[in-house]
Amino acid sequence: MKSTDKKTLEEIIRVDHAGERGAIKIYEGQLLALNTFKKNDKLKKMIEDMKEHEKEHFEYFDKEIQKRNIKPTVFLPIWDLLGVTLGFGTTMLGEKAAMLCTASVEEVIDGHYKKQLDALGDDEKDLKKSISKFRDDEIEHKNIAYDTGATKDGLYSILDKIIKTSSKAAIKVSEKI
């Protein structure tokens, strides 16, 4: 029976707390653009629905942070600002860019959650179950994004690389600090 070491557990909960909050901020930025400059009721409804999933995920990890007395990352205010900026900026570029933002982030999170599920021991069945459910939600968001026009064609491939690299960097930093 494999058990999870304390350091790994703290890193998992800290980074997932930050990541789910970051996802909310990205969607808030997208909604800000959609409510002010880019009117697209269909896209707005999709983003609002995906944001609700992220709020559920964040609330779970927020409770875990408190229950287990884990310090959140010190970078939360910076991630908030960057998340809103990323969401707003990609939405201002258009629907394809907004949906690529979701797809790119969710592809990183899919792999990230898979690694966490592999790292967690049998002593963390409830956490594993929650992360597995959240991973399914993130994969669904990615699929919605591609079904709605996300593309990596042309210059969008550069945007995809920027978003993925930034997401991976934020994960590494948030795990540790």
N, C-alpha and C. Protein backbone atom coordinates (compact mmCIF):
# COMPACT_ATOMS: atom_id res chain seq x y z
N MET A 1 0.85 -1.19 0.00
CA MET A 1 0.00 0.00 0.00
C MET A 1 0.89 1.24 0.00
N LYS A 2 0.77 2.03 -1.04
CA LYS A 2 1.58 3.23 -1.20
C LYS A 2 0.93 4.39 -0.45
N SER A 3 1.76 5.14 0.30
CA SER A 3 1.23 6.34 0.96
C SER A 3 1.92 7.57 0.38
N THR A 4 1.26 8.70 0.53
CA THR A 4 1.72 9.96 -0.04
C THR A 4 2.56 10.71 0.99
N ASP A 5 3.77 11.14 0.59
CA ASP A 5 4.58 11.90 1.54
C ASP A 5 4.00 13.31 1.68
N LYS A 6 4.25 13.90 2.85
CA LYS A 6 3.67 15.19 3.22
C LYS A 6 4.03 16.30 2.23
N LYS A 7 5.27 16.35 1.79
CA LYS A 7 5.72 17.40 0.87
C LYS A 7 4.97 17.32 -0.46
N THR A 8 4.85 16.12 -1.00
CA THR A 8 4.13 15.92 -2.26
C THR A 8 2.68 16.35 -2.11
N LEU A 9 2.06 15.95 -1.01
CA LEU A 9 0.67 16.28 -0.76
C LEU A 9 0.47 17.79 -0.67
N GLU A 10 1.35 18.47 0.05
CA GLU A 10 1.26 19.93 0.16
C GLU A 10 1.42 20.60 -1.20
N GLU A 11 2.36 20.13 -1.99
CA GLU A 11 2.58 20.71 -3.32
C GLU A 11 1.36 20.52 -4.21
N ILE A 12 0.76 19.33 -4.16
CA ILE A 12 -0.41 19.04 -4.98
C ILE A 12 -1.56 19.97 -4.63
N ILE A 13 -1.84 20.08 -3.35
CA ILE A 13 -2.98 20.90 -2.92
C ILE A 13 -2.70 22.38 -3.18
N ARG A 14 -1.49 22.83 -2.90
CA ARG A 14 -1.14 24.25 -3.13
C ARG A 14 -1.29 24.63 -4.60
N VAL A 15 -0.72 23.81 -5.48
CA VAL A 15 -0.75 24.16 -6.90
C VAL A 15 -2.15 24.02 -7.49
N ASP A 16 -2.92 23.05 -7.04
CA ASP A 16 -4.27 22.90 -7.57
C ASP A 16 -5.18 24.03 -7.09
N HIS A 17 -4.97 24.46 -5.87
CA HIS A 17 -5.69 25.62 -5.34
C HIS A 17 -5.42 26.84 -6.22
N ALA A 18 -4.14 27.09 -6.49
CA ALA A 18 -3.75 28.23 -7.33
C ALA A 18 -4.27 28.08 -8.75
N GLY A 19 -4.17 26.88 -9.30
CA GLY A 19 -4.59 26.65 -10.68
C GLY A 19 -6.08 26.83 -10.89
N GLU A 20 -6.86 26.34 -9.97
CA GLU A 20 -8.32 26.49 -10.12
C GLU A 20 -8.72 27.94 -9.95
N ARG A 21 -8.05 28.63 -9.05
CA ARG A 21 -8.33 30.07 -8.90
C ARG A 21 -7.89 30.81 -10.18
N GLY A 22 -6.77 30.41 -10.73
CA GLY A 22 -6.30 31.02 -11.98
C GLY A 22 -7.29 30.81 -13.11
N ALA A 23 -7.88 29.62 -13.17
CA ALA A 23 -8.87 29.34 -14.22
C ALA A 23 -10.08 30.26 -14.07
N ILE A 24 -10.51 30.46 -12.84
CA ILE A 24 -11.63 31.38 -12.60
C ILE A 24 -11.27 32.77 -13.11
N LYS A 25 -10.05 33.21 -12.83
CA LYS A 25 -9.61 34.56 -13.24
C LYS A 25 -9.53 34.67 -14.76
N ILE A 26 -9.08 33.61 -15.44
CA ILE A 26 -9.07 33.63 -16.91
C ILE A 26 -10.49 33.81 -17.43
N TYR A 27 -11.42 33.05 -16.88
CA TYR A 27 -12.81 33.16 -17.33
C TYR A 27 -13.39 34.53 -16.98
N GLU A 28 -12.99 35.09 -15.83
CA GLU A 28 -13.46 36.43 -15.47
C GLU A 28 -12.95 37.45 -16.49
N GLY A 29 -11.71 37.30 -16.92
CA GLY A 29 -11.17 38.20 -17.94
C GLY A 29 -11.90 38.05 -19.26
N GLN A 30 -12.21 36.81 -19.62
CA GLN A 30 -12.96 36.59 -20.85
C GLN A 30 -14.35 37.21 -20.76
N LEU A 31 -14.98 37.04 -19.63
CA LEU A 31 -16.33 37.61 -19.45
C LEU A 31 -16.29 39.13 -19.43
N LEU A 32 -15.23 39.71 -18.88
CA LEU A 32 -15.08 41.16 -18.90
C LEU A 32 -15.04 41.67 -20.35
N ALA A 33 -14.27 41.00 -21.19
CA ALA A 33 -14.21 41.39 -22.60
C ALA A 33 -15.56 41.20 -23.27
N LEU A 34 -16.23 40.09 -22.95
CA LEU A 34 -17.52 39.80 -23.59
C LEU A 34 -18.63 40.74 -23.10
N ASN A 35 -18.49 41.25 -21.90
CA ASN A 35 -19.51 42.17 -21.35
C ASN A 35 -19.27 43.63 -21.74
N THR A 36 -18.07 43.92 -22.25
CA THR A 36 -17.76 45.32 -22.55
C THR A 36 -17.52 45.58 -24.03
N PHE A 37 -16.72 44.76 -24.68
CA PHE A 37 -16.31 45.06 -26.06
C PHE A 37 -16.78 44.05 -27.09
N LYS A 38 -16.82 42.80 -26.73
CA LYS A 38 -17.12 41.72 -27.69
C LYS A 38 -18.44 41.06 -27.29
N LYS A 39 -19.48 41.37 -27.99
CA LYS A 39 -20.78 40.77 -27.66
C LYS A 39 -20.92 39.43 -28.38
N ASN A 40 -21.03 38.37 -27.58
CA ASN A 40 -21.19 37.02 -28.12
C ASN A 40 -21.88 36.20 -27.04
N ASP A 41 -23.21 36.20 -27.05
CA ASP A 41 -23.98 35.57 -25.98
C ASP A 41 -23.73 34.06 -25.88
N LYS A 42 -23.54 33.41 -27.03
CA LYS A 42 -23.29 31.96 -27.03
C LYS A 42 -21.97 31.64 -26.31
N LEU A 43 -20.93 32.37 -26.67
CA LEU A 43 -19.62 32.17 -26.04
C LEU A 43 -19.69 32.54 -24.55
N LYS A 44 -20.36 33.61 -24.24
CA LYS A 44 -20.50 34.04 -22.85
C LYS A 44 -21.14 32.95 -21.99
N LYS A 45 -22.19 32.33 -22.50
CA LYS A 45 -22.89 31.27 -21.76
C LYS A 45 -21.96 30.07 -21.53
N MET A 46 -21.21 29.69 -22.56
CA MET A 46 -20.27 28.57 -22.42
C MET A 46 -19.22 28.86 -21.35
N ILE A 47 -18.68 30.06 -21.40
CA ILE A 47 -17.64 30.44 -20.44
C ILE A 47 -18.21 30.50 -19.03
N GLU A 48 -19.40 31.02 -18.88
CA GLU A 48 -20.04 31.07 -17.56
C GLU A 48 -20.22 29.65 -17.01
N ASP A 49 -20.63 28.72 -17.86
CA ASP A 49 -20.81 27.33 -17.42
C ASP A 49 -19.48 26.71 -17.00
N MET A 50 -18.41 26.93 -17.79
CA MET A 50 -17.11 26.36 -17.44
C MET A 50 -16.57 27.00 -16.16
N LYS A 51 -16.83 28.28 -15.99
CA LYS A 51 -16.38 28.98 -14.77
C LYS A 51 -17.02 28.36 -13.53
N GLU A 52 -18.27 27.94 -13.65
CA GLU A 52 -18.96 27.30 -12.50
C GLU A 52 -18.22 26.02 -12.08
N HIS A 53 -17.76 25.22 -13.05
CA HIS A 53 -16.98 24.02 -12.71
C HIS A 53 -15.71 24.42 -11.95
N GLU A 54 -15.04 25.46 -12.46
CA GLU A 54 -13.78 25.89 -11.83
C GLU A 54 -14.02 26.38 -10.41
N LYS A 55 -15.16 27.04 -10.19
CA LYS A 55 -15.49 27.50 -8.83
C LYS A 55 -15.67 26.31 -7.90
N GLU A 56 -16.32 25.27 -8.38
CA GLU A 56 -16.50 24.04 -7.59
C GLU A 56 -15.13 23.44 -7.24
N HIS A 57 -14.25 23.38 -8.22
CA HIS A 57 -12.91 22.82 -8.00
C HIS A 57 -12.14 23.68 -7.00
N PHE A 58 -12.19 25.00 -7.19
CA PHE A 58 -11.47 25.90 -6.29
C PHE A 58 -11.98 25.77 -4.86
N GLU A 59 -13.28 25.73 -4.69
CA GLU A 59 -13.85 25.63 -3.34
C GLU A 59 -13.37 24.35 -2.65
N TYR A 60 -13.27 23.27 -3.39
CA TYR A 60 -12.76 22.02 -2.82
C TYR A 60 -11.32 22.22 -2.32
N PHE A 61 -10.46 22.76 -3.19
CA PHE A 61 -9.05 22.93 -2.79
C PHE A 61 -8.88 24.01 -1.74
N ASP A 62 -9.75 25.00 -1.72
CA ASP A 62 -9.70 26.02 -0.68
C ASP A 62 -9.98 25.39 0.69
N LYS A 63 -10.95 24.48 0.72
CA LYS A 63 -11.24 23.76 1.97
C LYS A 63 -10.07 22.87 2.37
N GLU A 64 -9.45 22.22 1.39
CA GLU A 64 -8.30 21.35 1.68
C GLU A 64 -7.12 22.15 2.23
N ILE A 65 -6.88 23.32 1.67
CA ILE A 65 -5.81 24.21 2.14
C ILE A 65 -6.03 24.52 3.62
N GLN A 66 -7.27 24.87 3.95
CA GLN A 66 -7.59 25.24 5.33
C GLN A 66 -7.56 24.03 6.25
N LYS A 67 -8.19 22.95 5.82
CA LYS A 67 -8.29 21.75 6.65
C LYS A 67 -6.91 21.17 6.98
N ARG A 68 -6.01 21.20 6.00
CA ARG A 68 -4.69 20.59 6.17
C ARG A 68 -3.62 21.60 6.57
N ASN A 69 -4.04 22.84 6.76
CA ASN A 69 -3.13 23.91 7.20
C ASN A 69 -1.93 24.06 6.26
N ILE A 70 -2.24 24.18 4.97
CA ILE A 70 -1.21 24.34 3.93
C ILE A 70 -1.21 25.80 3.50
N LYS A 71 -0.03 26.36 3.37
CA LYS A 71 0.07 27.76 2.91
C LYS A 71 -0.19 27.82 1.41
N PRO A 72 -1.09 28.72 0.99
CA PRO A 72 -1.27 28.91 -0.46
C PRO A 72 -0.01 29.55 -1.05
N THR A 73 0.11 29.47 -2.36
CA THR A 73 1.25 30.12 -3.01
C THR A 73 1.21 31.63 -2.75
N VAL A 74 2.37 32.21 -2.57
CA VAL A 74 2.46 33.66 -2.35
C VAL A 74 2.17 34.42 -3.65
N PHE A 75 2.11 33.72 -4.77
CA PHE A 75 1.92 34.34 -6.06
C PHE A 75 0.45 34.52 -6.45
N LEU A 76 -0.50 34.19 -5.56
CA LEU A 76 -1.92 34.30 -5.92
C LEU A 76 -2.29 35.67 -6.50
N PRO A 77 -1.87 36.79 -5.90
CA PRO A 77 -2.26 38.08 -6.50
C PRO A 77 -1.71 38.28 -7.92
N ILE A 78 -0.51 37.79 -8.16
CA ILE A 78 0.07 37.90 -9.50
C ILE A 78 -0.67 37.00 -10.48
N TRP A 79 -0.97 35.77 -10.05
CA TRP A 79 -1.71 34.84 -10.91
C TRP A 79 -3.09 35.42 -11.22
N ASP A 80 -3.71 36.08 -10.24
CA ASP A 80 -5.03 36.70 -10.48
C ASP A 80 -4.93 37.72 -11.61
N LEU A 81 -3.96 38.60 -11.50
CA LEU A 81 -3.77 39.65 -12.51
C LEU A 81 -3.45 39.06 -13.88
N LEU A 82 -2.54 38.09 -13.91
CA LEU A 82 -2.17 37.48 -15.19
C LEU A 82 -3.32 36.67 -15.78
N GLY A 83 -4.10 36.02 -14.94
CA GLY A 83 -5.24 35.25 -15.43
C GLY A 83 -6.29 36.14 -16.09
N VAL A 84 -6.65 37.22 -15.41
CA VAL A 84 -7.62 38.16 -15.98
C VAL A 84 -7.08 38.74 -17.29
N THR A 85 -5.80 39.09 -17.29
CA THR A 85 -5.18 39.66 -18.49
C THR A 85 -5.20 38.67 -19.65
N LEU A 86 -4.84 37.42 -19.37
CA LEU A 86 -4.83 36.39 -20.41
C LEU A 86 -6.23 36.18 -20.96
N GLY A 87 -7.21 36.06 -20.09
CA GLY A 87 -8.58 35.85 -20.53
C GLY A 87 -9.11 37.02 -21.35
N PHE A 88 -8.87 38.22 -20.86
CA PHE A 88 -9.32 39.42 -21.56
C PHE A 88 -8.63 39.54 -22.91
N GLY A 89 -7.32 39.38 -22.90
CA GLY A 89 -6.54 39.55 -24.13
C GLY A 89 -6.91 38.55 -25.21
N THR A 90 -7.03 37.29 -24.84
CA THR A 90 -7.36 36.28 -25.86
C THR A 90 -8.77 36.50 -26.40
N THR A 91 -9.68 36.92 -25.56
CA THR A 91 -11.04 37.16 -26.02
C THR A 91 -11.09 38.38 -26.94
N MET A 92 -10.28 39.37 -26.66
CA MET A 92 -10.22 40.54 -27.55
C MET A 92 -9.68 40.16 -28.92
N LEU A 93 -8.86 39.11 -28.97
CA LEU A 93 -8.35 38.63 -30.26
C LEU A 93 -9.42 37.90 -31.06
N GLY A 94 -10.47 37.44 -30.39
CA GLY A 94 -11.56 36.76 -31.08
C GLY A 94 -11.91 35.42 -30.46
N GLU A 95 -12.99 34.86 -30.94
CA GLU A 95 -13.53 33.61 -30.38
C GLU A 95 -12.52 32.46 -30.49
N LYS A 96 -11.83 32.34 -31.63
CA LYS A 96 -10.86 31.25 -31.80
C LYS A 96 -9.74 31.35 -30.76
N ALA A 97 -9.25 32.55 -30.53
CA ALA A 97 -8.18 32.75 -29.55
C ALA A 97 -8.68 32.49 -28.13
N ALA A 98 -9.89 32.93 -27.83
CA ALA A 98 -10.47 32.69 -26.50
C ALA A 98 -10.60 31.20 -26.24
N MET A 99 -11.09 30.47 -27.23
CA MET A 99 -11.26 29.03 -27.07
C MET A 99 -9.91 28.31 -27.07
N LEU A 100 -8.94 28.82 -27.81
CA LEU A 100 -7.61 28.23 -27.76
C LEU A 100 -7.01 28.40 -26.37
N CYS A 101 -7.26 29.53 -25.75
CA CYS A 101 -6.78 29.74 -24.38
C CYS A 101 -7.28 28.62 -23.47
N THR A 102 -8.56 28.34 -23.54
CA THR A 102 -9.14 27.25 -22.74
C THR A 102 -8.50 25.91 -23.12
N ALA A 103 -8.43 25.62 -24.40
CA ALA A 103 -7.89 24.33 -24.85
C ALA A 103 -6.44 24.15 -24.41
N SER A 104 -5.63 25.18 -24.57
CA SER A 104 -4.21 25.10 -24.23
C SER A 104 -4.00 24.88 -22.74
N VAL A 105 -4.71 25.66 -21.93
CA VAL A 105 -4.59 25.50 -20.47
C VAL A 105 -5.07 24.11 -20.07
N GLU A 106 -6.20 23.68 -20.60
CA GLU A 106 -6.76 22.38 -20.19
C GLU A 106 -5.89 21.21 -20.63
N GLU A 107 -5.19 21.34 -21.75
CA GLU A 107 -4.27 20.27 -22.15
C GLU A 107 -3.13 20.13 -21.14
N VAL A 108 -2.63 21.25 -20.66
CA VAL A 108 -1.59 21.21 -19.63
C VAL A 108 -2.15 20.61 -18.34
N ILE A 109 -3.35 21.03 -17.96
CA ILE A 109 -3.94 20.56 -16.70
C ILE A 109 -4.27 19.07 -16.77
N ASP A 110 -4.70 18.59 -17.91
CA ASP A 110 -4.97 17.16 -18.08
C ASP A 110 -3.71 16.35 -17.71
N GLY A 111 -2.59 16.70 -18.29
CA GLY A 111 -1.34 15.99 -17.99
C GLY A 111 -0.89 16.20 -16.55
N HIS A 112 -1.09 17.40 -16.05
CA HIS A 112 -0.72 17.73 -14.68
C HIS A 112 -1.52 16.88 -13.68
N TYR A 113 -2.83 16.81 -13.88
CA TYR A 113 -3.67 16.00 -12.98
C TYR A 113 -3.33 14.51 -13.11
N LYS A 114 -3.02 14.06 -14.30
CA LYS A 114 -2.64 12.65 -14.48
C LYS A 114 -1.40 12.32 -13.65
N LYS A 115 -0.39 13.19 -13.69
CA LYS A 115 0.83 12.98 -12.89
C LYS A 115 0.50 12.96 -11.40
N GLN A 116 -0.39 13.84 -10.98
CA GLN A 116 -0.77 13.87 -9.57
C GLN A 116 -1.48 12.58 -9.16
N LEU A 117 -2.36 12.10 -10.00
CA LEU A 117 -3.08 10.86 -9.69
C LEU A 117 -2.10 9.69 -9.55
N ASP A 118 -1.08 9.69 -10.39
CA ASP A 118 -0.05 8.65 -10.31
C ASP A 118 0.79 8.78 -9.04
N ALA A 119 1.00 10.01 -8.57
CA ALA A 119 1.85 10.27 -7.41
C ALA A 119 1.14 10.03 -6.07
N LEU A 120 -0.19 10.17 -6.06
CA LEU A 120 -0.93 10.02 -4.81
C LEU A 120 -1.02 8.55 -4.41
N GLY A 121 -0.90 8.34 -3.11
CA GLY A 121 -0.97 6.98 -2.58
C GLY A 121 -2.39 6.55 -2.26
N ASP A 122 -2.49 5.32 -1.78
CA ASP A 122 -3.78 4.74 -1.42
C ASP A 122 -4.40 5.43 -0.21
N ASP A 123 -3.57 6.18 0.53
CA ASP A 123 -4.06 6.88 1.71
C ASP A 123 -4.85 8.14 1.37
N GLU A 124 -4.89 8.51 0.10
CA GLU A 124 -5.58 9.73 -0.32
C GLU A 124 -6.67 9.42 -1.34
N LYS A 125 -7.51 8.44 -1.01
CA LYS A 125 -8.57 8.02 -1.93
C LYS A 125 -9.54 9.15 -2.27
N ASP A 126 -9.95 9.93 -1.28
CA ASP A 126 -10.91 11.01 -1.53
C ASP A 126 -10.31 12.09 -2.42
N LEU A 127 -9.06 12.45 -2.15
CA LEU A 127 -8.38 13.45 -2.97
C LEU A 127 -8.23 12.94 -4.40
N LYS A 128 -7.84 11.68 -4.55
CA LYS A 128 -7.70 11.10 -5.89
C LYS A 128 -9.04 11.11 -6.64
N LYS A 129 -10.10 10.78 -5.94
CA LYS A 129 -11.43 10.76 -6.56
C LYS A 129 -11.82 12.16 -7.03
N SER A 130 -11.55 13.16 -6.21
CA SER A 130 -11.88 14.54 -6.58
C SER A 130 -11.04 15.00 -7.77
N ILE A 131 -9.74 14.76 -7.72
CA ILE A 131 -8.87 15.17 -8.82
C ILE A 131 -9.27 14.46 -10.11
N SER A 132 -9.63 13.20 -10.02
CA SER A 132 -10.07 12.46 -11.20
C SER A 132 -11.33 13.08 -11.81
N LYS A 133 -12.27 13.46 -10.96
CA LYS A 133 -13.51 14.09 -11.44
C LYS A 133 -13.19 15.45 -12.06
N PHE A 134 -12.32 16.22 -11.40
CA PHE A 134 -11.96 17.54 -11.91
C PHE A 134 -11.23 17.40 -13.25
N ARG A 135 -10.39 16.38 -13.37
CA ARG A 135 -9.68 16.14 -14.63
C ARG A 135 -10.70 15.88 -15.75
N ASP A 136 -11.71 15.09 -15.45
CA ASP A 136 -12.76 14.83 -16.45
C ASP A 136 -13.44 16.13 -16.88
N ASP A 137 -13.70 17.03 -15.92
CA ASP A 137 -14.31 18.32 -16.24
C ASP A 137 -13.39 19.12 -17.16
N GLU A 138 -12.08 19.12 -16.86
CA GLU A 138 -11.12 19.89 -17.65
C GLU A 138 -11.02 19.34 -19.08
N ILE A 139 -11.06 18.03 -19.20
CA ILE A 139 -11.05 17.41 -20.54
C ILE A 139 -12.31 17.81 -21.31
N GLU A 140 -13.43 17.86 -20.61
CA GLU A 140 -14.68 18.30 -21.24
C GLU A 140 -14.55 19.75 -21.71
N HIS A 141 -13.94 20.61 -20.91
CA HIS A 141 -13.74 22.02 -21.30
C HIS A 141 -12.87 22.10 -22.56
N LYS A 142 -11.80 21.29 -22.59
CA LYS A 142 -10.92 21.26 -23.76
C LYS A 142 -11.70 20.85 -25.00
N ASN A 143 -12.51 19.83 -24.88
CA ASN A 143 -13.30 19.35 -26.01
C ASN A 143 -14.31 20.40 -26.48
N ILE A 144 -14.93 21.09 -25.55
CA ILE A 144 -15.86 22.17 -25.89
C ILE A 144 -15.11 23.26 -26.66
N ALA A 145 -13.91 23.59 -26.18
CA ALA A 145 -13.12 24.64 -26.82
C ALA A 145 -12.81 24.28 -28.28
N TYR A 146 -12.39 23.03 -28.52
CA TYR A 146 -12.10 22.63 -29.89
C TYR A 146 -13.36 22.57 -30.73
N ASP A 147 -14.47 22.12 -30.13
CA ASP A 147 -15.73 22.06 -30.86
C ASP A 147 -16.24 23.46 -31.22
N THR A 148 -15.78 24.46 -30.47
CA THR A 148 -16.24 25.84 -30.65
C THR A 148 -15.27 26.67 -31.49
N GLY A 149 -14.22 26.06 -32.01
CA GLY A 149 -13.37 26.79 -32.94
C GLY A 149 -11.93 26.98 -32.55
N ALA A 150 -11.51 26.47 -31.39
CA ALA A 150 -10.09 26.58 -31.04
C ALA A 150 -9.26 25.91 -32.13
N THR A 151 -8.16 26.55 -32.47
CA THR A 151 -7.29 26.00 -33.51
C THR A 151 -5.84 26.33 -33.18
N LYS A 152 -4.94 25.50 -33.68
CA LYS A 152 -3.50 25.76 -33.53
C LYS A 152 -2.88 26.08 -34.89
N ASP A 153 -3.74 26.37 -35.86
CA ASP A 153 -3.27 26.69 -37.21
C ASP A 153 -2.61 28.07 -37.23
N GLY A 154 -1.62 28.21 -38.08
CA GLY A 154 -0.98 29.51 -38.32
C GLY A 154 -0.42 30.13 -37.05
N LEU A 155 -0.69 31.41 -36.87
CA LEU A 155 -0.17 32.15 -35.72
C LEU A 155 -0.74 31.65 -34.39
N TYR A 156 -1.87 30.96 -34.44
CA TYR A 156 -2.44 30.42 -33.21
C TYR A 156 -1.49 29.41 -32.55
N SER A 157 -0.62 28.78 -33.35
CA SER A 157 0.34 27.83 -32.77
C SER A 157 1.30 28.54 -31.82
N ILE A 158 1.62 29.79 -32.11
CA ILE A 158 2.50 30.57 -31.23
C ILE A 158 1.77 30.88 -29.92
N LEU A 159 0.53 31.30 -30.03
CA LEU A 159 -0.28 31.58 -28.84
C LEU A 159 -0.41 30.32 -27.97
N ASP A 160 -0.63 29.18 -28.60
CA ASP A 160 -0.72 27.91 -27.88
C ASP A 160 0.57 27.65 -27.09
N LYS A 161 1.71 27.84 -27.71
CA LYS A 161 3.00 27.60 -27.04
C LYS A 161 3.22 28.57 -25.89
N ILE A 162 2.86 29.82 -26.08
CA ILE A 162 3.01 30.82 -25.01
C ILE A 162 2.14 30.46 -23.81
N ILE A 163 0.89 30.11 -24.07
CA ILE A 163 -0.04 29.78 -22.98
C ILE A 163 0.43 28.52 -22.25
N LYS A 164 0.82 27.50 -23.00
CA LYS A 164 1.27 26.25 -22.36
C LYS A 164 2.55 26.45 -21.56
N THR A 165 3.51 27.17 -22.11
CA THR A 165 4.76 27.42 -21.40
C THR A 165 4.50 28.22 -20.12
N SER A 166 3.68 29.24 -20.21
CA SER A 166 3.33 30.05 -19.04
C SER A 166 2.61 29.22 -17.98
N SER A 167 1.70 28.36 -18.42
CA SER A 167 0.95 27.51 -17.48
C SER A 167 1.89 26.55 -16.76
N LYS A 168 2.79 25.95 -17.50
CA LYS A 168 3.75 25.01 -16.89
C LYS A 168 4.67 25.72 -15.91
N ALA A 169 5.10 26.93 -16.24
CA ALA A 169 5.94 27.72 -15.33
C ALA A 169 5.18 28.07 -14.06
N ALA A 170 3.94 28.48 -14.19
CA ALA A 170 3.13 28.81 -13.03
C ALA A 170 2.92 27.59 -12.13
N ILE A 171 2.76 26.43 -12.74
CA ILE A 171 2.62 25.19 -11.96
C ILE A 171 3.88 24.94 -11.14
N LYS A 172 5.03 25.00 -11.77
CA LYS A 172 6.30 24.72 -11.08
C LYS A 172 6.51 25.68 -9.90
N VAL A 173 6.27 26.96 -10.14
CA VAL A 173 6.45 27.96 -9.09
C VAL A 173 5.44 27.74 -7.96
N SER A 174 4.18 27.51 -8.31
CA SER A 174 3.14 27.40 -7.29
C SER A 174 3.27 26.14 -6.45
N GLU A 175 3.86 25.11 -6.98
CA GLU A 175 4.09 23.90 -6.18
C GLU A 175 5.03 24.20 -5.01
N LYS A 176 6.03 25.03 -5.26
CA LYS A 176 7.11 25.22 -4.30
C LYS A 176 6.94 26.41 -3.37
N ILE A 177 6.36 27.50 -3.90
CA ILE A 177 6.34 28.74 -3.11
C ILE A 177 4.92 29.21 -2.88
